[in-house]
Amino acid sequence: MHLPLLRAGQPYASLDRLAVAHIATGQPLAQVSQANRGLIARDLAAQERNRQALQAFTVAELVAICQRAADLFLRAELPLGDDGQTPDDYVAQVSATTGLPQSLARANMDKIHRAGVEMPAVLNGLTRGLDLTWLRPVAVARALGTGVLSGLTRGLDLTILDDGPSPLHFVPHAQALGCILPSNSPGVHALWLPAIPLKTPLVLKPGREEPWTPYRIAQALIAAGCPPHALSYYPTDHGGSTEILLRCERSLLFGGGATVAPWRGDPRVQLHGPGRSKIIIGADKIDHWEHYLDLMVASIAANGGRSCLNASGIWVPAHGREIATALGERLSQIQARPLDDPQAQIAAFPNPAGAHQLSAQIAAQLGDAAQDTARGQGERIAEGGGCTFLNPTLIHAPDWQHPLANTEYIFPFAAVVEVPQEEVVARIGPTLVATALTEDEHLTRQLLAAPHIERLNLGPIPTHQIAYDQPHEGNLFDFLYQQRALQRRSG
């Protein structure tokens, strides 16, 4: 089959194509058209036209489109180039090219569906309760002048009158949102969905091994009534990705540390790199660590350990070796299974050589001071069904300075790190999610004040558990819109 580009929603077959293959058999599953840098540059010169296509809709209409699209994404047969794709086809294709077990691919499909259905709650969390009726259809917006206007804030009635703007005035930062997307887990694609009801077109660059999910979401949105001009899909190389990042005033960039590093500090680019999420157990709870063993296992191993939300560190003031031994024993029970096995919990590596290199890198960094408690006499590498897996790995690190103490990998991997409680907040480093198991008021205040913690869970909440009324990672509304003061006087 062939997956075309989508140039402002219109399919386009490129002469330059890249095959995506089944990781076990090597057989090509699809030819994916590739966009060169010049084509992307030409298309993105017309972003304003694409943005206007969304301005003719109210936010309520676009939210309803997202909700209909979520149901279509989950249940309908949708176009896949000149072919069709059923939900079962989608699950099998995602699994075959990324190595994600089919059971986890289907679970991620459910996550995307829930994000679309819960779009009102998602927008409420992003905007902190703003009534988005202020994003008026284009005719009203033109009559009121440049920018977009705010309606209701919490408890304060600022209803817009047709004859003038409200005291709250919002200006868009960008004509489109660029998205340089990963191949590790389909669930992350829920992060860019709110751009549509926020009236911002999407420029999607899929991951090399995972062209399926962004294409299927785009087709579901179009089938649900979204204007096709708002959706562009450009499989491309590094140069094409750079063109998107340079030409879109706002972009989301997903990738490892080396991928995101050149863009760190660029206000146009919101980085979604390693999460280094953690569970922190306070001194007041540490003697009862067994009560939290299920929580720790789930936080480490959920979704095959492929998410930035997975815990890669368990930071404790004591009992580190005991916790590591118990966790290692539990994680060692998770074994590689065929990708179509309903009980499969870990993913295969699309590149077997990469799995072997990663295993060797971990072994080289262990040294004499640390211990892999999940392996015992077993092997980290597992082979089966033509696929290569990395079995779960649990490290006991003697202190926070060990090279594996604050490391994240794309499989179930974590380190138990002992550090004095008075030092833990300063030592954990940038952390996407921190689950704090403590009732100590001083530690809680330190955690609440820590700017390097993106999301804080107080109490036994798994690191991978999200709430739709809370921003997942960054705030897309603040990223896309800027509030500014506005005064007007007649005469």
Protein backbone atom coordinates (compact mmCIF):
# COMPACT_ATOMS: atom_id res chain seq x y z
CA MET A 1 0.00 0.00 0.00
CA HIS A 2 1.01 3.62 -0.36
CA LEU A 3 0.67 6.45 2.19
CA PRO A 4 0.66 9.83 0.44
CA LEU A 5 1.56 13.20 1.85
CA LEU A 6 -1.30 15.43 2.92
CA ARG A 7 -0.67 18.95 1.63
CA ALA A 8 -3.29 21.06 3.39
CA GLY A 9 -5.45 17.95 3.45
CA GLN A 10 -4.93 17.00 -0.19
CA PRO A 11 -3.23 13.64 -0.92
CA TYR A 12 0.00 13.93 -2.87
CA ALA A 13 2.13 11.06 -4.18
CA SER A 14 5.85 11.78 -4.10
CA LEU A 15 8.40 10.08 -6.34
CA ASP A 16 10.62 9.71 -3.28
CA ARG A 17 9.23 6.93 -1.09
CA LEU A 18 10.41 5.05 1.97
CA ALA A 19 9.38 1.49 2.78
CA VAL A 20 8.24 0.62 6.29
CA ALA A 21 8.71 -3.08 7.02
CA HIS A 22 7.55 -5.71 9.49
CA ILE A 23 10.23 -5.91 12.18
CA ALA A 24 10.04 -9.71 12.38
CA THR A 25 9.87 -10.67 8.69
CA GLY A 26 11.45 -7.66 7.01
CA GLN A 27 8.61 -7.65 4.49
CA PRO A 28 7.51 -4.15 3.38
CA LEU A 29 4.07 -3.17 4.65
CA ALA A 30 3.78 0.21 2.94
CA GLN A 31 5.55 2.73 0.76
CA VAL A 32 5.41 6.16 2.41
CA SER A 33 5.76 9.27 0.25
CA GLN A 34 8.53 11.58 1.44
CA ALA A 35 8.38 15.38 1.46
CA ASN A 36 11.56 17.23 0.60
CA ARG A 37 12.57 20.43 2.34
CA GLY A 38 11.67 22.66 -0.62
CA LEU A 39 8.12 21.30 -0.87
CA ILE A 40 7.56 21.87 2.84
CA ALA A 41 8.89 25.43 2.58
CA ARG A 42 6.55 26.23 -0.33
CA ASP A 43 3.51 24.80 1.44
CA LEU A 44 4.18 26.54 4.75
CA ALA A 45 4.34 29.92 3.00
CA ALA A 46 0.53 29.65 2.77
CA GLN A 47 -0.20 29.00 6.44
CA GLU A 48 -2.59 31.94 6.85
CA ARG A 49 -5.02 30.44 4.33
CA ASN A 50 -5.03 27.18 6.24
CA ARG A 51 -5.65 28.99 9.52
CA GLN A 52 -8.63 30.83 8.08
CA ALA A 53 -10.27 27.49 7.31
CA LEU A 54 -10.62 26.92 11.07
CA GLN A 55 -11.75 30.45 11.88
CA ALA A 56 -15.15 29.84 10.26
CA PHE A 57 -16.01 27.36 13.02
CA THR A 58 -16.92 27.99 16.63
CA VAL A 59 -14.89 26.23 19.31
CA ALA A 60 -17.99 24.21 20.24
CA GLU A 61 -18.24 22.98 16.65
CA LEU A 62 -14.57 22.01 16.58
CA VAL A 63 -14.88 20.22 19.94
CA ALA A 64 -17.80 18.23 18.52
CA ILE A 65 -15.68 17.39 15.47
CA CYS A 66 -12.90 16.09 17.76
CA GLN A 67 -15.39 13.94 19.65
CA ARG A 68 -16.83 12.47 16.44
CA ALA A 69 -13.31 11.92 15.13
CA ALA A 70 -12.38 10.05 18.32
CA ASP A 71 -15.20 7.55 17.74
CA LEU A 72 -14.24 7.18 14.07
CA PHE A 73 -10.59 6.67 14.99
CA LEU A 74 -11.55 3.89 17.40
CA ARG A 75 -14.25 2.11 15.42
CA ALA A 76 -14.41 3.04 11.73
CA GLU A 77 -12.71 1.90 8.55
CA LEU A 78 -10.84 4.98 7.32
CA PRO A 79 -8.84 5.78 4.17
CA LEU A 80 -5.22 4.67 4.09
CA GLY A 81 -3.98 6.09 0.82
CA ASP A 82 -6.04 4.33 -1.86
CA ASP A 83 -6.84 1.50 0.52
CA GLY A 84 -8.95 1.24 3.65
CA GLN A 85 -7.83 0.63 7.22
CA THR A 86 -9.99 -1.04 9.85
CA PRO A 87 -9.20 -0.66 13.56
CA ASP A 88 -7.77 -4.19 13.56
CA ASP A 89 -5.61 -3.33 10.55
CA TYR A 90 -4.31 -0.27 12.39
CA VAL A 91 -3.42 -2.22 15.53
CA ALA A 92 -1.60 -4.90 13.53
CA GLN A 93 0.32 -2.32 11.45
CA VAL A 94 1.43 -0.25 14.44
CA SER A 95 2.61 -3.39 16.21
CA ALA A 96 4.40 -4.75 13.15
CA THR A 97 6.55 -1.67 12.48
CA THR A 98 7.17 -0.38 16.03
CA GLY A 99 7.39 -3.62 18.00
CA LEU A 100 4.65 -2.56 20.41
CA PRO A 101 2.50 -5.58 21.38
CA GLN A 102 -0.93 -5.49 19.79
CA SER A 103 -2.56 -5.36 23.24
CA LEU A 104 -0.63 -2.18 24.06
CA ALA A 105 -1.32 -0.69 20.62
CA ARG A 106 -5.03 -1.17 21.26
CA ALA A 107 -4.71 0.34 24.76
CA ASN A 108 -3.03 3.41 23.23
CA MET A 109 -5.86 3.60 20.72
CA ASP A 110 -8.24 3.81 23.67
CA LYS A 111 -6.14 6.63 25.18
CA ILE A 112 -6.43 8.72 22.01
CA HIS A 113 -10.16 8.03 21.87
CA ARG A 114 -10.63 9.15 25.47
CA ALA A 115 -8.63 12.34 24.87
CA GLY A 116 -10.90 13.24 21.96
CA VAL A 117 -14.10 12.44 23.81
CA GLU A 118 -12.90 14.34 26.89
CA MET A 119 -11.85 17.39 24.86
CA PRO A 120 -14.02 19.81 26.92
CA ALA A 121 -12.16 18.74 30.08
CA VAL A 122 -8.80 18.91 28.28
CA LEU A 123 -9.46 22.47 27.13
CA ASN A 124 -10.72 23.44 30.57
CA GLY A 125 -7.44 22.26 32.07
CA LEU A 126 -5.32 24.03 29.44
CA THR A 127 -7.15 27.35 29.73
CA ARG A 128 -7.83 27.24 33.49
CA GLY A 129 -11.55 27.57 32.96
CA LEU A 130 -11.74 30.16 30.19
CA ASP A 131 -14.94 30.07 28.19
CA LEU A 132 -13.59 29.55 24.70
CA THR A 133 -16.56 31.18 23.01
CA TRP A 134 -14.17 34.13 22.70
CA LEU A 135 -12.48 32.32 19.81
CA ARG A 136 -15.16 33.74 17.51
CA PRO A 137 -15.90 32.66 13.93
CA VAL A 138 -13.92 34.56 11.33
CA ALA A 139 -16.59 37.09 10.43
CA VAL A 140 -16.88 38.31 14.02
CA ALA A 141 -13.12 38.19 14.56
CA ARG A 142 -12.56 40.42 11.56
CA ALA A 143 -15.17 42.88 12.77
CA LEU A 144 -13.53 43.10 16.19
CA GLY A 145 -9.96 43.48 14.91
CA THR A 146 -6.70 41.57 15.18
CA GLY A 147 -6.42 38.73 17.65
CA VAL A 148 -8.88 36.61 19.55
CA LEU A 149 -11.00 37.59 22.51
CA SER A 150 -11.72 36.14 25.92
CA GLY A 151 -15.20 35.47 27.27
CA LEU A 152 -15.69 34.02 30.74
CA THR A 153 -13.02 33.47 33.38
CA ARG A 154 -13.68 31.64 36.58
CA GLY A 155 -16.29 33.52 38.55
CA LEU A 156 -15.92 36.69 36.46
CA ASP A 157 -18.47 37.49 33.78
CA LEU A 158 -16.70 39.13 30.85
CA THR A 159 -19.23 38.22 28.20
CA ILE A 160 -18.22 39.67 24.86
CA LEU A 161 -20.51 42.24 23.35
CA ASP A 162 -20.83 42.45 19.61
CA ASP A 163 -19.84 46.12 19.63
CA GLY A 164 -16.38 45.79 21.23
CA PRO A 165 -13.70 43.59 22.75
CA SER A 166 -13.44 42.38 26.30
CA PRO A 167 -10.68 43.49 28.71
CA LEU A 168 -8.96 40.14 28.07
CA HIS A 169 -7.30 39.95 24.68
CA PHE A 170 -5.41 36.97 23.27
CA VAL A 171 -3.14 36.94 20.24
CA PRO A 172 -2.03 33.77 18.40
CA HIS A 173 1.68 33.07 18.42
CA ALA A 174 1.55 30.94 15.29
CA GLN A 175 -0.33 30.28 12.07
CA ALA A 176 0.26 26.54 12.49
CA LEU A 177 1.59 24.04 15.04
CA GLY A 178 4.45 21.88 13.79
CA CYS A 179 4.70 18.41 15.31
CA ILE A 180 7.88 16.33 14.97
CA LEU A 181 6.48 13.05 16.21
CA PRO A 182 8.01 9.88 17.72
CA SER A 183 7.61 6.17 16.97
CA ASN A 184 7.68 4.86 20.54
CA SER A 185 4.01 5.01 21.61
CA PRO A 186 0.82 6.13 19.83
CA GLY A 187 -0.69 7.62 23.00
CA VAL A 188 1.51 10.74 22.81
CA HIS A 189 -0.45 11.89 19.76
CA ALA A 190 -3.27 12.96 22.06
CA LEU A 191 -1.06 15.93 23.04
CA TRP A 192 -1.53 17.81 19.75
CA LEU A 193 -5.25 17.14 19.31
CA PRO A 194 -6.36 20.28 21.24
CA ALA A 195 -4.76 22.47 18.55
CA ILE A 196 -7.83 21.92 16.35
CA PRO A 197 -10.42 23.39 18.77
CA LEU A 198 -7.82 26.07 19.58
CA LYS A 199 -8.08 26.97 15.86
CA THR A 200 -4.50 26.20 14.95
CA PRO A 201 -3.71 24.07 11.85
CA LEU A 202 -1.42 21.08 12.26
CA VAL A 203 1.77 20.25 10.37
CA LEU A 204 2.53 16.61 11.24
CA LYS A 205 5.86 14.88 10.64
CA PRO A 206 5.39 11.21 11.67
CA GLY A 207 8.05 8.99 13.19
CA ARG A 208 9.89 6.79 10.70
CA GLU A 209 8.51 3.51 12.08
CA GLU A 210 5.09 4.89 12.98
CA PRO A 211 3.39 6.70 10.08
CA TRP A 212 0.05 5.12 10.94
CA THR A 213 -1.35 7.02 13.93
CA PRO A 214 -1.08 10.67 12.78
CA TYR A 215 -2.41 9.70 9.34
CA ARG A 216 -5.39 7.85 10.86
CA ILE A 217 -6.18 10.72 13.24
CA ALA A 218 -6.05 13.18 10.33
CA GLN A 219 -8.43 11.01 8.29
CA ALA A 220 -10.78 10.67 11.26
CA LEU A 221 -10.83 14.47 11.73
CA ILE A 222 -11.55 15.05 8.04
CA ALA A 223 -14.33 12.43 8.07
CA ALA A 224 -15.80 14.13 11.16
CA GLY A 225 -16.02 17.51 9.40
CA CYS A 226 -12.70 19.20 10.11
CA PRO A 227 -11.60 21.40 7.18
CA PRO A 228 -8.86 19.46 5.35
CA HIS A 229 -6.78 22.64 4.97
CA ALA A 230 -6.05 22.44 8.71
CA LEU A 231 -4.18 19.14 8.38
CA SER A 232 -0.83 18.58 6.70
CA TYR A 233 1.18 15.35 6.90
CA TYR A 234 4.81 15.32 5.82
CA PRO A 235 6.92 12.19 6.29
CA THR A 236 10.40 13.59 5.78
CA ASP A 237 14.05 13.45 6.73
CA HIS A 238 16.06 15.52 9.22
CA GLY A 239 16.22 18.48 6.83
CA GLY A 240 12.45 18.48 6.38
CA SER A 241 11.93 18.31 10.15
CA THR A 242 14.23 21.30 10.56
CA GLU A 243 12.24 23.22 7.95
CA ILE A 244 9.04 22.62 9.92
CA LEU A 245 10.67 23.76 13.16
CA LEU A 246 12.02 26.91 11.50
CA ARG A 247 8.87 27.90 9.61
CA CYS A 248 6.20 27.09 12.19
CA GLU A 249 6.28 29.76 14.89
CA ARG A 250 5.28 27.06 17.37
CA SER A 251 6.24 23.38 17.26
CA LEU A 252 6.29 20.28 19.46
CA LEU A 253 9.51 18.26 19.19
CA PHE A 254 9.57 14.68 20.48
CA GLY A 255 12.84 12.79 20.79
CA GLY A 256 15.80 11.70 22.86
CA GLY A 257 18.31 13.96 24.52
CA ALA A 258 20.47 14.37 21.41
CA THR A 259 17.44 15.21 19.24
CA VAL A 260 16.03 17.94 21.47
CA ALA A 261 19.33 19.45 22.65
CA PRO A 262 19.89 21.83 19.68
CA TRP A 263 16.47 23.39 20.25
CA ARG A 264 16.70 23.80 23.99
CA GLY A 265 16.04 27.43 24.88
CA ASP A 266 14.23 28.19 21.60
CA PRO A 267 10.85 29.65 22.64
CA ARG A 268 9.26 28.48 19.39
CA VAL A 269 9.83 24.81 20.23
CA GLN A 270 8.24 22.89 23.10
CA LEU A 271 10.47 19.94 23.90
CA HIS A 272 9.15 16.49 24.73
CA GLY A 273 12.30 14.55 25.48
CA PRO A 274 13.26 12.15 28.25
CA GLY A 275 10.85 12.47 31.18
CA ARG A 276 13.00 10.96 33.94
CA SER A 277 9.84 10.54 36.01
CA LYS A 278 10.29 9.38 39.60
CA ILE A 279 8.68 7.98 42.72
CA ILE A 280 9.92 9.62 45.92
CA ILE A 281 9.28 7.91 49.24
CA GLY A 282 9.57 10.07 52.35
CA ALA A 283 11.24 9.03 55.59
CA ASP A 284 7.80 8.90 57.21
CA LYS A 285 6.64 6.16 54.78
CA ILE A 286 9.84 4.29 53.96
CA ASP A 287 9.45 1.58 56.61
CA HIS A 288 6.20 0.56 54.85
CA TRP A 289 7.62 0.49 51.31
CA GLU A 290 6.05 -2.94 50.64
CA HIS A 291 2.64 -1.23 50.53
CA TYR A 292 3.73 0.62 47.39
CA LEU A 293 5.33 -2.26 45.49
CA ASP A 294 2.43 -2.64 43.02
CA LEU A 295 2.47 1.11 42.40
CA MET A 296 6.20 1.05 41.65
CA VAL A 297 5.95 -1.93 39.28
CA ALA A 298 3.06 -0.39 37.36
CA SER A 299 4.80 2.99 37.09
CA ILE A 300 7.93 1.35 35.68
CA ALA A 301 6.39 -1.23 33.34
CA ALA A 302 3.09 0.22 32.06
CA ASN A 303 2.89 0.62 28.27
CA GLY A 304 6.02 -1.45 27.89
CA GLY A 305 8.09 1.19 29.67
CA ARG A 306 8.02 3.26 26.47
CA SER A 307 6.51 6.45 27.84
CA CYS A 308 8.17 9.52 29.33
CA LEU A 309 5.62 9.07 32.13
CA ASN A 310 7.12 5.75 33.18
CA ALA A 311 9.13 5.93 36.39
CA SER A 312 12.85 5.60 35.72
CA GLY A 313 13.82 6.27 39.33
CA ILE A 314 12.71 5.25 42.83
CA TRP A 315 14.35 7.73 45.24
CA VAL A 316 14.41 6.68 48.89
CA PRO A 317 16.14 7.67 52.15
CA ALA A 318 16.67 4.05 53.27
CA HIS A 319 15.96 0.36 52.46
CA GLY A 320 17.27 0.86 48.93
CA ARG A 321 18.74 -2.62 48.50
CA GLU A 322 15.62 -4.33 49.91
CA ILE A 323 13.36 -2.34 47.60
CA ALA A 324 15.59 -3.04 44.61
CA THR A 325 15.61 -6.77 45.35
CA ALA A 326 11.82 -6.96 45.65
CA LEU A 327 11.24 -4.81 42.57
CA GLY A 328 13.77 -6.79 40.57
CA GLU A 329 12.05 -10.04 41.47
CA ARG A 330 8.65 -8.67 40.39
CA LEU A 331 9.95 -7.19 37.14
CA SER A 332 11.84 -10.35 36.23
CA GLN A 333 8.46 -12.11 35.96
CA ILE A 334 7.65 -9.96 32.91
CA GLN A 335 8.94 -11.96 29.97
CA ALA A 336 9.07 -11.33 26.22
CA ARG A 337 6.07 -12.76 24.39
CA PRO A 338 4.92 -12.76 20.74
CA LEU A 339 3.50 -9.39 19.65
CA ASP A 340 0.02 -10.86 19.14
CA ASP A 341 -0.07 -12.48 22.62
CA PRO A 342 -2.77 -10.75 24.70
CA GLN A 343 -0.50 -11.06 27.76
CA ALA A 344 2.50 -9.36 26.11
CA GLN A 345 3.81 -6.45 28.19
CA ILE A 346 7.12 -5.45 26.60
CA ALA A 347 7.93 -4.24 23.12
CA ALA A 348 10.38 -5.52 20.55
CA PHE A 349 13.08 -3.27 19.14
CA PRO A 350 12.69 -2.32 15.46
CA ASN A 351 16.50 -2.32 15.24
CA PRO A 352 17.95 -5.46 16.93
CA ALA A 353 21.46 -4.01 16.84
CA GLY A 354 20.21 -1.05 18.88
CA ALA A 355 18.91 -3.40 21.58
CA HIS A 356 22.28 -5.17 21.84
CA GLN A 357 24.14 -1.86 21.97
CA LEU A 358 21.85 -0.54 24.70
CA SER A 359 22.27 -3.69 26.78
CA ALA A 360 26.05 -3.45 26.44
CA GLN A 361 25.96 0.23 27.42
CA ILE A 362 24.03 -0.58 30.61
CA ALA A 363 26.43 -3.38 31.48
CA ALA A 364 29.43 -1.10 30.96
CA GLN A 365 27.99 1.56 33.24
CA LEU A 366 26.98 -0.77 36.06
CA GLY A 367 30.48 -1.00 37.52
CA ASP A 368 31.13 -2.76 40.79
CA ALA A 369 28.98 -0.51 42.94
CA ALA A 370 25.59 -1.06 41.27
CA GLN A 371 23.56 -4.22 40.79
CA ASP A 372 20.92 -5.32 38.26
CA THR A 373 18.44 -7.03 40.57
CA ALA A 374 15.96 -7.98 37.82
CA ARG A 375 18.39 -10.17 35.92
CA GLY A 376 19.95 -12.52 38.45
CA GLN A 377 21.47 -15.18 36.21
CA GLY A 378 19.16 -14.35 33.29
CA GLU A 379 19.86 -12.38 30.14
CA ARG A 380 18.72 -8.86 29.38
CA ILE A 381 18.42 -9.67 25.67
CA ALA A 382 15.53 -11.92 24.64
CA GLU A 383 14.85 -13.30 21.15
CA GLY A 384 11.58 -14.73 19.90
CA GLY A 385 9.39 -14.83 16.83
CA GLY A 386 12.02 -13.05 14.77
CA CYS A 387 12.04 -10.11 17.22
CA THR A 388 14.58 -8.81 19.74
CA PHE A 389 13.50 -7.59 23.19
CA LEU A 390 15.12 -6.09 26.26
CA ASN A 391 13.79 -7.66 29.44
CA PRO A 392 13.01 -5.30 32.34
CA THR A 393 16.05 -3.98 34.20
CA LEU A 394 16.12 -2.70 37.79
CA ILE A 395 19.33 -1.12 39.06
CA HIS A 396 20.30 -0.55 42.67
CA ALA A 397 22.47 2.59 42.53
CA PRO A 398 24.50 3.36 45.65
CA ASP A 399 24.07 7.15 45.30
CA TRP A 400 22.65 9.85 43.06
CA GLN A 401 25.98 10.35 41.26
CA HIS A 402 26.02 6.90 39.68
CA PRO A 403 25.72 7.18 35.86
CA LEU A 404 22.55 5.04 35.84
CA ALA A 405 20.87 6.81 38.76
CA ASN A 406 19.02 9.34 36.58
CA THR A 407 18.83 7.65 33.18
CA GLU A 408 15.84 6.81 31.00
CA TYR A 409 15.59 4.10 28.36
CA ILE A 410 12.82 2.99 26.01
CA PHE A 411 11.96 -0.23 27.88
CA PRO A 412 11.12 -1.03 31.53
CA PHE A 413 14.21 0.35 33.22
CA ALA A 414 14.55 2.03 36.59
CA ALA A 415 17.10 2.69 39.32
CA VAL A 416 16.53 2.63 43.07
CA VAL A 417 18.60 5.51 44.46
CA GLU A 418 19.31 6.17 48.12
CA VAL A 419 19.70 9.82 49.05
CA PRO A 420 19.09 11.68 52.33
CA GLN A 421 15.62 13.21 52.42
CA GLU A 422 17.00 16.71 52.95
CA GLU A 423 18.87 16.39 49.62
CA VAL A 424 16.32 14.60 47.44
CA VAL A 425 14.58 17.61 45.86
CA ALA A 426 17.88 19.20 44.90
CA ARG A 427 19.33 15.96 43.52
CA ILE A 428 16.53 14.53 41.37
CA GLY A 429 17.09 16.95 38.47
CA PRO A 430 14.49 17.76 35.77
CA THR A 431 11.49 15.49 36.32
CA LEU A 432 8.37 15.23 34.18
CA VAL A 433 6.30 13.44 36.85
CA ALA A 434 7.12 13.01 40.52
CA THR A 435 4.89 10.80 42.66
CA ALA A 436 5.60 11.69 46.30
CA LEU A 437 4.69 9.16 48.98
CA THR A 438 4.90 11.28 52.09
CA GLU A 439 2.88 13.30 54.56
CA ASP A 440 5.91 15.23 55.75
CA GLU A 441 4.93 18.91 55.48
CA HIS A 442 8.45 20.22 54.94
CA LEU A 443 9.19 17.76 52.11
CA THR A 444 5.80 18.47 50.55
CA ARG A 445 6.47 22.22 50.58
CA GLN A 446 9.87 21.64 48.97
CA LEU A 447 8.29 19.55 46.23
CA LEU A 448 5.53 22.07 45.61
CA ALA A 449 8.12 24.82 45.22
CA ALA A 450 10.45 22.84 42.92
CA PRO A 451 10.44 24.40 39.42
CA HIS A 452 12.13 21.35 37.87
CA ILE A 453 9.11 19.11 38.54
CA GLU A 454 6.57 19.36 35.71
CA ARG A 455 3.74 17.41 37.37
CA LEU A 456 3.50 16.50 41.03
CA ASN A 457 1.39 13.62 42.34
CA LEU A 458 0.89 13.74 46.11
CA GLY A 459 -0.05 10.30 47.31
CA PRO A 460 -0.14 6.82 45.72
CA ILE A 461 -0.83 7.84 42.11
CA PRO A 462 1.07 5.94 39.38
CA THR A 463 3.38 8.20 37.40
CA HIS A 464 1.68 7.21 34.12
CA GLN A 465 -1.84 8.09 35.31
CA ILE A 466 -3.05 11.31 33.69
CA ALA A 467 -6.02 13.57 34.41
CA TYR A 468 -7.73 15.12 31.41
CA ASP A 469 -8.38 18.39 33.26
CA GLN A 470 -4.64 18.85 33.86
CA PRO A 471 -2.04 19.65 31.17
CA HIS A 472 0.01 16.53 30.43
CA GLU A 473 3.35 18.10 29.56
CA GLY A 474 3.59 21.83 28.99
CA ASN A 475 0.50 23.92 28.33
CA LEU A 476 -0.55 24.00 24.68
CA PHE A 477 -2.88 26.97 25.17
CA ASP A 478 -0.18 29.15 26.75
CA PHE A 479 2.19 27.96 24.02
CA LEU A 480 -0.18 28.97 21.20
CA TYR A 481 -1.70 32.17 22.61
CA GLN A 482 -0.42 35.26 24.36
CA GLN A 483 -2.57 37.47 26.56
CA ARG A 484 -1.98 41.19 26.20
CA ALA A 485 -3.52 44.37 27.59
CA LEU A 486 -5.98 46.19 25.35
CA GLN A 487 -7.61 49.59 25.77
CA ARG A 488 -9.88 51.39 23.33
CA ARG A 489 -11.29 54.91 23.29
CA SER A 490 -13.71 56.27 20.72
CA GLY A 491 -13.28 59.61 18.97
